[in-house]
């Protein structure tokens, strides 16, 4: 299932990770495993935030994705199922067929 992973990083922990040069390592270690379709970075609620779209194969994979962000960055992590436009159109056709 395609999901949007949102990672809101604790400012103090992210500052330490930046100055300690570990932030990039944390992100890269997760990204190498999940192979994101897209990743964008910005802010949300005044916090550094990553927006990452990737394919979640099994719900049991959630801890391996989330834990590095919890432990290294004190992050607030959310997973939200998402669809691309073609998938929305296919879903709407199913609604019309009912």
PDB file of N, CA and C in Angstrom:
ATOM      1  N   UNK A   1       0.846  -1.168   0.000  1.00  0.00           N
ATOM      2  CA  UNK A   1       0.000   0.000   0.000  1.00  0.00           C
ATOM      3  C   UNK A   1       0.898   1.239   0.000  1.00  0.00           C
ATOM      4  N   UNK A   2       0.553   2.204  -0.849  1.00  0.00           N
ATOM      5  CA  UNK A   2       1.304   3.457  -0.890  1.00  0.00           C
ATOM      6  C   UNK A   2       0.885   4.302   0.311  1.00  0.00           C
ATOM      7  N   UNK A   3       1.879   4.841   1.018  1.00  0.00           N
ATOM      8  CA  UNK A   3       1.593   5.675   2.178  1.00  0.00           C
ATOM      9  C   UNK A   3       2.399   6.967   2.120  1.00  0.00           C
ATOM     10  N   UNK A   4       1.850   7.978   2.782  1.00  0.00           N
ATOM     11  CA  UNK A   4       2.565   9.220   3.014  1.00  0.00           C
ATOM     12  C   UNK A   4       3.055   9.174   4.452  1.00  0.00           C
ATOM     13  N   UNK A   5       4.360   9.151   4.610  1.00  0.00           N
ATOM     14  CA  UNK A   5       5.000   9.191   5.926  1.00  0.00           C
ATOM     15  C   UNK A   5       5.331  10.641   6.220  1.00  0.00           C
ATOM     16  N   UNK A   6       4.855  11.139   7.344  1.00  0.00           N
ATOM     17  CA  UNK A   6       5.174  12.494   7.779  1.00  0.00           C
ATOM     18  C   UNK A   6       6.004  12.386   9.048  1.00  0.00           C
ATOM     19  N   UNK A   7       7.177  13.009   9.030  1.00  0.00           N
ATOM     20  CA  UNK A   7       8.106  12.953  10.164  1.00  0.00           C
ATOM     21  C   UNK A   7       8.341  14.378  10.654  1.00  0.00           C
ATOM     22  N   UNK A   8       7.738  14.732  11.796  1.00  0.00           N
ATOM     23  CA  UNK A   8       7.935  16.047  12.401  1.00  0.00           C
ATOM     24  C   UNK A   8       9.007  15.896  13.474  1.00  0.00           C
ATOM     25  N   UNK A   9      10.148  16.524  13.253  1.00  0.00           N
ATOM     26  CA  UNK A   9      11.309  16.339  14.121  1.00  0.00           C
ATOM     27  C   UNK A   9      11.313  17.306  15.293  1.00  0.00           C
ATOM     28  N   UNK A  10      11.592  16.782  16.469  1.00  0.00           N
ATOM     29  CA  UNK A  10      11.785  17.615  17.642  1.00  0.00           C
ATOM     30  C   UNK A  10      12.933  18.586  17.359  1.00  0.00           C
ATOM     31  N   UNK A  11      12.712  19.871  17.597  1.00  0.00           N
ATOM     32  CA  UNK A  11      13.707  20.878  17.229  1.00  0.00           C
ATOM     33  C   UNK A  11      15.039  20.667  17.943  1.00  0.00           C
ATOM     34  N   UNK A  12      15.015  20.442  19.236  1.00  0.00           N
ATOM     35  CA  UNK A  12      16.267  20.278  19.986  1.00  0.00           C
ATOM     36  C   UNK A  12      17.044  19.048  19.525  1.00  0.00           C
ATOM     37  N   UNK A  13      16.335  17.911  19.375  1.00  0.00           N
ATOM     38  CA  UNK A  13      17.018  16.692  18.931  1.00  0.00           C
ATOM     39  C   UNK A  13      17.508  16.818  17.493  1.00  0.00           C
ATOM     40  N   UNK A  14      16.722  17.468  16.631  1.00  0.00           N
ATOM     41  CA  UNK A  14      17.146  17.659  15.242  1.00  0.00           C
ATOM     42  C   UNK A  14      18.355  18.590  15.176  1.00  0.00           C
ATOM     43  N   UNK A  15      18.370  19.642  16.015  1.00  0.00           N
ATOM     44  CA  UNK A  15      19.539  20.530  16.053  1.00  0.00           C
ATOM     45  C   UNK A  15      20.798  19.747  16.421  1.00  0.00           C
ATOM     46  N   UNK A  16      20.690  18.870  17.426  1.00  0.00           N
ATOM     47  CA  UNK A  16      21.838  18.056  17.833  1.00  0.00           C
ATOM     48  C   UNK A  16      22.248  17.098  16.713  1.00  0.00           C
ATOM     49  N   UNK A  17      21.262  16.534  16.019  1.00  0.00           N
ATOM     50  CA  UNK A  17      21.568  15.613  14.916  1.00  0.00           C
ATOM     51  C   UNK A  17      22.242  16.344  13.758  1.00  0.00           C
ATOM     52  N   UNK A  18      21.877  17.583  13.537  1.00  0.00           N
ATOM     53  CA  UNK A  18      22.501  18.367  12.471  1.00  0.00           C
ATOM     54  C   UNK A  18      23.937  18.709  12.850  1.00  0.00           C
ATOM     55  N   UNK A  19      24.131  19.235  14.055  1.00  0.00           N
ATOM     56  CA  UNK A  19      25.490  19.609  14.462  1.00  0.00           C
ATOM     57  C   UNK A  19      26.378  18.382  14.643  1.00  0.00           C
ATOM     58  N   UNK A  20      25.780  17.254  15.051  1.00  0.00           N
ATOM     59  CA  UNK A  20      26.533  16.013  15.206  1.00  0.00           C
ATOM     60  C   UNK A  20      26.663  15.222  13.917  1.00  0.00           C
ATOM     61  N   UNK A  21      26.089  15.768  12.848  1.00  0.00           N
ATOM     62  CA  UNK A  21      26.163  15.151  11.509  1.00  0.00           C
ATOM     63  C   UNK A  21      25.550  13.747  11.460  1.00  0.00           C
ATOM     64  N   UNK A  22      24.486  13.512  12.239  1.00  0.00           N
ATOM     65  CA  UNK A  22      23.809  12.209  12.217  1.00  0.00           C
ATOM     66  C   UNK A  22      22.439  12.256  11.552  1.00  0.00           C
ATOM     67  N   UNK A  23      21.915  13.448  11.292  1.00  0.00           N
ATOM     68  CA  UNK A  23      20.583  13.556  10.685  1.00  0.00           C
ATOM     69  C   UNK A  23      20.556  12.889   9.317  1.00  0.00           C
ATOM     70  N   UNK A  24      21.520  13.202   8.481  1.00  0.00           N
ATOM     71  CA  UNK A  24      21.559  12.613   7.138  1.00  0.00           C
ATOM     72  C   UNK A  24      21.692  11.093   7.216  1.00  0.00           C
ATOM     73  N   UNK A  25      22.465  10.608   8.163  1.00  0.00           N
ATOM     74  CA  UNK A  25      22.641   9.152   8.310  1.00  0.00           C
ATOM     75  C   UNK A  25      21.315   8.486   8.678  1.00  0.00           C
ATOM     76  N   UNK A  26      20.571   9.080   9.598  1.00  0.00           N
ATOM     77  CA  UNK A  26      19.280   8.516   9.998  1.00  0.00           C
ATOM     78  C   UNK A  26      18.332   8.454   8.807  1.00  0.00           C
ATOM     79  N   UNK A  27      18.233   9.562   8.080  1.00  0.00           N
ATOM     80  CA  UNK A  27      17.330   9.604   6.922  1.00  0.00           C
ATOM     81  C   UNK A  27      17.769   8.589   5.871  1.00  0.00           C
ATOM     82  N   UNK A  28      19.058   8.567   5.565  1.00  0.00           N
ATOM     83  CA  UNK A  28      19.568   7.684   4.521  1.00  0.00           C
ATOM     84  C   UNK A  28      19.362   6.214   4.885  1.00  0.00           C
ATOM     85  N   UNK A  29      19.552   5.861   6.142  1.00  0.00           N
ATOM     86  CA  UNK A  29      19.399   4.456   6.543  1.00  0.00           C
ATOM     87  C   UNK A  29      17.965   3.972   6.353  1.00  0.00           C
ATOM     88  N   UNK A  30      16.998   4.828   6.642  1.00  0.00           N
ATOM     89  CA  UNK A  30      15.598   4.464   6.431  1.00  0.00           C
ATOM     90  C   UNK A  30      15.277   4.468   4.938  1.00  0.00           C
ATOM     91  N   UNK A  31      15.702   5.498   4.227  1.00  0.00           N
ATOM     92  CA  UNK A  31      15.395   5.612   2.802  1.00  0.00           C
ATOM     93  C   UNK A  31      15.972   4.459   1.989  1.00  0.00           C
ATOM     94  N   UNK A  32      17.136   3.959   2.371  1.00  0.00           N
ATOM     95  CA  UNK A  32      17.726   2.823   1.653  1.00  0.00           C
ATOM     96  C   UNK A  32      16.837   1.583   1.756  1.00  0.00           C
ATOM     97  N   UNK A  33      16.132   1.446   2.873  1.00  0.00           N
ATOM     98  CA  UNK A  33      15.251   0.295   3.055  1.00  0.00           C
ATOM     99  C   UNK A  33      13.899   0.483   2.386  1.00  0.00           C
ATOM    100  N   UNK A  34      13.323   1.688   2.476  1.00  0.00           N
ATOM    101  CA  UNK A  34      11.962   1.881   1.966  1.00  0.00           C
ATOM    102  C   UNK A  34      11.922   2.344   0.516  1.00  0.00           C
ATOM    103  N   UNK A  35      13.030   2.811  -0.009  1.00  0.00           N
ATOM    104  CA  UNK A  35      13.126   3.259  -1.402  1.00  0.00           C
ATOM    105  C   UNK A  35      11.939   4.164  -1.773  1.00  0.00           C
ATOM    106  N   UNK A  36      11.913   5.385  -1.238  1.00  0.00           N
ATOM    107  CA  UNK A  36      10.754   6.258  -1.451  1.00  0.00           C
ATOM    108  C   UNK A  36      10.521   6.628  -2.916  1.00  0.00           C
ATOM    109  N   UNK A  37       9.258   6.750  -3.237  1.00  0.00           N
ATOM    110  CA  UNK A  37       8.830   7.242  -4.548  1.00  0.00           C
ATOM    111  C   UNK A  37       9.125   8.741  -4.643  1.00  0.00           C
ATOM    112  N   UNK A  38       8.960   9.426  -3.513  1.00  0.00           N
ATOM    113  CA  UNK A  38       9.228  10.867  -3.432  1.00  0.00           C
ATOM    114  C   UNK A  38       9.517  11.239  -1.988  1.00  0.00           C
ATOM    115  N   UNK A  39      10.335  12.273  -1.808  1.00  0.00           N
ATOM    116  CA  UNK A  39      10.618  12.794  -0.468  1.00  0.00           C
ATOM    117  C   UNK A  39      10.771  14.305  -0.572  1.00  0.00           C
ATOM    118  N   UNK A  40      10.066  15.001   0.297  1.00  0.00           N
ATOM    119  CA  UNK A  40      10.110  16.463   0.330  1.00  0.00           C
ATOM    120  C   UNK A  40      10.328  16.899   1.767  1.00  0.00           C
ATOM    121  N   UNK A  41      10.934  18.071   1.928  1.00  0.00           N
ATOM    122  CA  UNK A  41      11.255  18.564   3.256  1.00  0.00           C
ATOM    123  C   UNK A  41      10.781  19.998   3.388  1.00  0.00           C
ATOM    124  N   UNK A  42      10.186  20.296   4.537  1.00  0.00           N
ATOM    125  CA  UNK A  42       9.681  21.637   4.795  1.00  0.00           C
ATOM    126  C   UNK A  42       9.418  21.777   6.279  1.00  0.00           C
ATOM    127  N   UNK A  43       8.387  22.547   6.604  1.00  0.00           N
ATOM    128  CA  UNK A  43       8.010  22.728   7.998  1.00  0.00           C
ATOM    129  C   UNK A  43       6.519  22.466   8.166  1.00  0.00           C
ATOM    130  N   UNK A  44       6.164  22.050   9.360  1.00  0.00           N
ATOM    131  CA  UNK A  44       4.763  21.890   9.747  1.00  0.00           C
ATOM    132  C   UNK A  44       4.698  22.200  11.232  1.00  0.00           C
ATOM    133  N   UNK A  45       3.776  23.045  11.610  1.00  0.00           N
ATOM    134  CA  UNK A  45       3.637  23.441  13.017  1.00  0.00           C
ATOM    135  C   UNK A  45       4.959  23.946  13.585  1.00  0.00           C
ATOM    136  N   UNK A  46       5.762  24.621  12.759  1.00  0.00           N
ATOM    137  CA  UNK A  46       7.024  25.192  13.208  1.00  0.00           C
ATOM    138  C   UNK A  46       8.142  24.181  13.417  1.00  0.00           C
ATOM    139  N   UNK A  47       7.957  22.954  12.909  1.00  0.00           N
ATOM    140  CA  UNK A  47       8.964  21.913  13.093  1.00  0.00           C
ATOM    141  C   UNK A  47       9.501  21.470  11.741  1.00  0.00           C
ATOM    142  N   UNK A  48      10.783  21.085  11.695  1.00  0.00           N
ATOM    143  CA  UNK A  48      11.337  20.478  10.487  1.00  0.00           C
ATOM    144  C   UNK A  48      10.522  19.225  10.196  1.00  0.00           C
ATOM    145  N   UNK A  49      10.119  19.086   8.936  1.00  0.00           N
ATOM    146  CA  UNK A  49       9.233  17.980   8.593  1.00  0.00           C
ATOM    147  C   UNK A  49       9.641  17.355   7.271  1.00  0.00           C
ATOM    148  N   UNK A  50       9.623  16.031   7.247  1.00  0.00           N
ATOM    149  CA  UNK A  50       9.846  15.272   6.011  1.00  0.00           C
ATOM    150  C   UNK A  50       8.515  14.669   5.589  1.00  0.00           C
ATOM    151  N   UNK A  51       8.238  14.740   4.286  1.00  0.00           N
ATOM    152  CA  UNK A  51       7.051  14.138   3.690  1.00  0.00           C
ATOM    153  C   UNK A  51       7.561  13.089   2.702  1.00  0.00           C
ATOM    154  N   UNK A  52       7.272  11.835   2.969  1.00  0.00           N
ATOM    155  CA  UNK A  52       7.872  10.747   2.198  1.00  0.00           C
ATOM    156  C   UNK A  52       6.771   9.810   1.697  1.00  0.00           C
ATOM    157  N   UNK A  53       6.745   9.574   0.397  1.00  0.00           N
ATOM    158  CA  UNK A  53       5.782   8.641  -0.199  1.00  0.00           C
ATOM    159  C   UNK A  53       6.542   7.362  -0.533  1.00  0.00           C
ATOM    160  N   UNK A  54       6.023   6.242  -0.044  1.00  0.00           N
ATOM    161  CA  UNK A  54       6.668   4.955  -0.305  1.00  0.00           C
ATOM    162  C   UNK A  54       5.650   3.831  -0.225  1.00  0.00           C
ATOM    163  N   UNK A  55       6.067   2.661  -0.676  1.00  0.00           N
ATOM    164  CA  UNK A  55       5.218   1.472  -0.670  1.00  0.00           C
ATOM    165  C   UNK A  55       5.459   0.708   0.635  1.00  0.00           C
ATOM    166  N   UNK A  56       4.419   0.612   1.474  1.00  0.00           N
ATOM    167  CA  UNK A  56       4.492  -0.151   2.717  1.00  0.00           C
ATOM    168  C   UNK A  56       3.998  -1.558   2.422  1.00  0.00           C
ATOM    169  N   UNK A  57       4.913  -2.519   2.438  1.00  0.00           N
ATOM    170  CA  UNK A  57       4.562  -3.894   2.071  1.00  0.00           C
ATOM    171  C   UNK A  57       3.716  -4.580   3.133  1.00  0.00           C
ATOM    172  N   UNK A  58       4.087  -4.417   4.385  1.00  0.00           N
ATOM    173  CA  UNK A  58       3.405  -5.093   5.490  1.00  0.00           C
ATOM    174  C   UNK A  58       3.247  -4.127   6.656  1.00  0.00           C
ATOM    175  N   UNK A  59       2.115  -4.148   7.354  1.00  0.00           N
ATOM    176  CA  UNK A  59       1.984  -3.304   8.543  1.00  0.00           C
ATOM    177  C   UNK A  59       3.078  -3.580   9.580  1.00  0.00           C
ATOM    178  N   UNK A  60       3.584  -4.798   9.599  1.00  0.00           N
ATOM    179  CA  UNK A  60       4.649  -5.132  10.556  1.00  0.00           C
ATOM    180  C   UNK A  60       5.956  -4.409  10.243  1.00  0.00           C
ATOM    181  N   UNK A  61       6.038  -3.752   9.074  1.00  0.00           N
ATOM    182  CA  UNK A  61       7.223  -2.956   8.723  1.00  0.00           C
ATOM    183  C   UNK A  61       7.204  -1.572   9.374  1.00  0.00           C
ATOM    184  N   UNK A  62       6.067  -1.173   9.914  1.00  0.00           N
ATOM    185  CA  UNK A  62       5.946   0.177  10.483  1.00  0.00           C
ATOM    186  C   UNK A  62       7.004   0.441  11.560  1.00  0.00           C
ATOM    187  N   UNK A  63       7.220  -0.449  12.523  1.00  0.00           N
ATOM    188  CA  UNK A  63       8.244  -0.140  13.536  1.00  0.00           C
ATOM    189  C   UNK A  63       9.642   0.069  12.966  1.00  0.00           C
ATOM    190  N   UNK A  64      10.014  -0.695  11.939  1.00  0.00           N
ATOM    191  CA  UNK A  64      11.366  -0.534  11.391  1.00  0.00           C
ATOM    192  C   UNK A  64      11.519   0.797  10.661  1.00  0.00           C
ATOM    193  N   UNK A  65      10.415   1.358  10.191  1.00  0.00           N
ATOM    194  CA  UNK A  65      10.453   2.667   9.546  1.00  0.00           C
ATOM    195  C   UNK A  65      10.414   3.769  10.609  1.00  0.00           C
ATOM    196  N   UNK A  66       9.525   3.651  11.573  1.00  0.00           N
ATOM    197  CA  UNK A  66       9.287   4.725  12.539  1.00  0.00           C
ATOM    198  C   UNK A  66      10.341   4.829  13.639  1.00  0.00           C
ATOM    199  N   UNK A  67      10.842   3.713  14.140  1.00  0.00           N
ATOM    200  CA  UNK A  67      11.718   3.739  15.310  1.00  0.00           C
ATOM    201  C   UNK A  67      12.961   4.604  15.165  1.00  0.00           C
ATOM    202  N   UNK A  68      13.672   4.575  14.025  1.00  0.00           N
ATOM    203  CA  UNK A  68      14.835   5.474  13.931  1.00  0.00           C
ATOM    204  C   UNK A  68      14.455   6.948  14.105  1.00  0.00           C
ATOM    205  N   UNK A  69      13.292   7.334  13.603  1.00  0.00           N
ATOM    206  CA  UNK A  69      12.857   8.720  13.743  1.00  0.00           C
ATOM    207  C   UNK A  69      12.436   9.032  15.176  1.00  0.00           C
ATOM    208  N   UNK A  70      11.769   8.087  15.833  1.00  0.00           N
ATOM    209  CA  UNK A  70      11.416   8.266  17.249  1.00  0.00           C
ATOM    210  C   UNK A  70      12.681   8.375  18.099  1.00  0.00           C
ATOM    211  N   UNK A  71      13.572   7.415  17.937  1.00  0.00           N
ATOM    212  CA  UNK A  71      14.729   7.315  18.812  1.00  0.00           C
ATOM    213  C   UNK A  71      15.791   8.373  18.542  1.00  0.00           C
ATOM    214  N   UNK A  72      16.090   8.631  17.263  1.00  0.00           N
ATOM    215  CA  UNK A  72      17.174   9.562  16.936  1.00  0.00           C
ATOM    216  C   UNK A  72      16.737  11.021  16.924  1.00  0.00           C
ATOM    217  N   UNK A  73      15.458  11.268  16.596  1.00  0.00           N
ATOM    218  CA  UNK A  73      15.017  12.644  16.391  1.00  0.00           C
ATOM    219  C   UNK A  73      13.846  13.067  17.263  1.00  0.00           C
ATOM    220  N   UNK A  74      13.356  12.175  18.128  1.00  0.00           N
ATOM    221  CA  UNK A  74      12.200  12.518  18.957  1.00  0.00           C
ATOM    222  C   UNK A  74      11.023  12.952  18.111  1.00  0.00           C
ATOM    223  N   UNK A  75      10.864  12.335  16.958  1.00  0.00           N
ATOM    224  CA  UNK A  75       9.891  12.792  15.969  1.00  0.00           C
ATOM    225  C   UNK A  75       8.472  12.316  16.251  1.00  0.00           C
ATOM    226  N   UNK A  76       7.536  13.095  15.751  1.00  0.00           N
ATOM    227  CA  UNK A  76       6.136  12.690  15.655  1.00  0.00           C
ATOM    228  C   UNK A  76       6.001  12.087  14.259  1.00  0.00           C
ATOM    229  N   UNK A  77       5.555  10.834  14.174  1.00  0.00           N
ATOM    230  CA  UNK A  77       5.524  10.102  12.913  1.00  0.00           C
ATOM    231  C   UNK A  77       4.093   9.684  12.601  1.00  0.00           C
ATOM    232  N   UNK A  78       3.647   9.961  11.371  1.00  0.00           N
ATOM    233  CA  UNK A  78       2.323   9.506  10.953  1.00  0.00           C
ATOM    234  C   UNK A  78       2.427   8.795   9.608  1.00  0.00           C
ATOM    235  N   UNK A  79       1.553   7.816   9.423  1.00  0.00           N
ATOM    236  CA  UNK A  79       1.432   7.067   8.175  1.00  0.00           C
ATOM    237  C   UNK A  79       0.005   7.255   7.679  1.00  0.00           C
ATOM    238  N   UNK A  80      -0.150   7.659   6.422  1.00  0.00           N
ATOM    239  CA  UNK A  80      -1.472   7.863   5.860  1.00  0.00           C
ATOM    240  C   UNK A  80      -1.539   7.196   4.489  1.00  0.00           C
ATOM    241  N   UNK A  81      -2.489   6.278   4.282  1.00  0.00           N
ATOM    242  CA  UNK A  81      -2.642   5.694   2.942  1.00  0.00           C
ATOM    243  C   UNK A  81      -2.972   6.791   1.933  1.00  0.00           C
ATOM    244  N   UNK A  82      -2.332   6.731   0.761  1.00  0.00           N
ATOM    245  CA  UNK A  82      -2.576   7.716  -0.293  1.00  0.00           C
ATOM    246  C   UNK A  82      -2.673   7.018  -1.646  1.00  0.00           C
ATOM    247  N   UNK A  83      -3.285   7.727  -2.616  1.00  0.00           N
ATOM    248  CA  UNK A  83      -3.448   7.197  -3.969  1.00  0.00           C
ATOM    249  C   UNK A  83      -2.958   8.228  -4.964  1.00  0.00           C
ATOM    250  N   UNK A  84      -2.531   7.755  -6.121  1.00  0.00           N
ATOM    251  CA  UNK A  84      -2.247   8.680  -7.207  1.00  0.00           C
ATOM    252  C   UNK A  84      -3.551   8.900  -7.993  1.00  0.00           C
ATOM    253  N   UNK A  85      -3.511   9.763  -8.998  1.00  0.00           N
ATOM    254  CA  UNK A  85      -4.738  10.121  -9.719  1.00  0.00           C
ATOM    255  C   UNK A  85      -5.365   8.916 -10.421  1.00  0.00           C
ATOM    256  N   UNK A  86      -4.550   8.061 -11.019  1.00  0.00           N
ATOM    257  CA  UNK A  86      -5.085   6.876 -11.696  1.00  0.00           C
ATOM    258  C   UNK A  86      -5.820   5.963 -10.717  1.00  0.00           C
ATOM    259  N   UNK A  87      -5.277   5.822  -9.522  1.00  0.00           N
ATOM    260  CA  UNK A  87      -5.919   4.977  -8.512  1.00  0.00           C
ATOM    261  C   UNK A  87      -7.231   5.577  -8.021  1.00  0.00           C
ATOM    262  N   UNK A  88      -7.280   6.892  -7.907  1.00  0.00           N
ATOM    263  CA  UNK A  88      -8.537   7.562  -7.526  1.00  0.00           C
ATOM    264  C   UNK A  88      -9.590   7.318  -8.597  1.00  0.00           C
ATOM    265  N   UNK A  89      -9.197   7.461  -9.859  1.00  0.00           N
ATOM    266  CA  UNK A  89     -10.152   7.238 -10.955  1.00  0.00           C
ATOM    267  C   UNK A  89     -10.669   5.793 -10.936  1.00  0.00           C
ATOM    268  N   UNK A  90      -9.783   4.823 -10.724  1.00  0.00           N
ATOM    269  CA  UNK A  90     -10.206   3.422 -10.667  1.00  0.00           C
ATOM    270  C   UNK A  90     -11.170   3.205  -9.507  1.00  0.00           C
ATOM    271  N   UNK A  91     -10.877   3.821  -8.369  1.00  0.00           N
ATOM    272  CA  UNK A  91     -11.772   3.703  -7.216  1.00  0.00           C
ATOM    273  C   UNK A  91     -13.131   4.325  -7.471  1.00  0.00           C
ATOM    274  N   UNK A  92     -13.158   5.459  -8.145  1.00  0.00           N
ATOM    275  CA  UNK A  92     -14.423   6.123  -8.449  1.00  0.00           C
ATOM    276  C   UNK A  92     -15.248   5.302  -9.433  1.00  0.00           C
ATOM    277  N   UNK A  93     -14.600   4.612 -10.347  1.00  0.00           N
ATOM    278  CA  UNK A  93     -15.338   3.738 -11.271  1.00  0.00           C
ATOM    279  C   UNK A  93     -15.999   2.592 -10.514  1.00  0.00           C
ATOM    280  N   UNK A  94     -15.334   2.095  -9.487  1.00  0.00           N
ATOM    281  CA  UNK A  94     -15.928   1.036  -8.668  1.00  0.00           C
ATOM    282  C   UNK A  94     -17.154   1.544  -7.938  1.00  0.00           C
ATOM    283  N   UNK A  95     -17.105   2.794  -7.474  1.00  0.00           N
ATOM    284  CA  UNK A  95     -18.255   3.391  -6.791  1.00  0.00           C
ATOM    285  C   UNK A  95     -19.417   3.496  -7.753  1.00  0.00           C
ATOM    286  N   UNK A  96     -19.149   3.944  -8.974  1.00  0.00           N
ATOM    287  CA  UNK A  96     -20.198   4.079  -9.982  1.00  0.00           C
ATOM    288  C   UNK A  96     -20.800   2.749 -10.413  1.00  0.00           C
ATOM    289  N   UNK A  97     -20.026   1.656 -10.278  1.00  0.00           N
ATOM    290  CA  UNK A  97     -20.503   0.338 -10.679  1.00  0.00           C
ATOM    291  C   UNK A  97     -21.396  -0.306  -9.628  1.00  0.00           C
ATOM    292  N   UNK A  98     -21.427   0.240  -8.445  1.00  0.00           N
ATOM    293  CA  UNK A  98     -22.219  -0.370  -7.360  1.00  0.00           C
ATOM    294  C   UNK A  98     -23.692  -0.091  -7.519  1.00  0.00           C
TER     295      UNK A  98
END
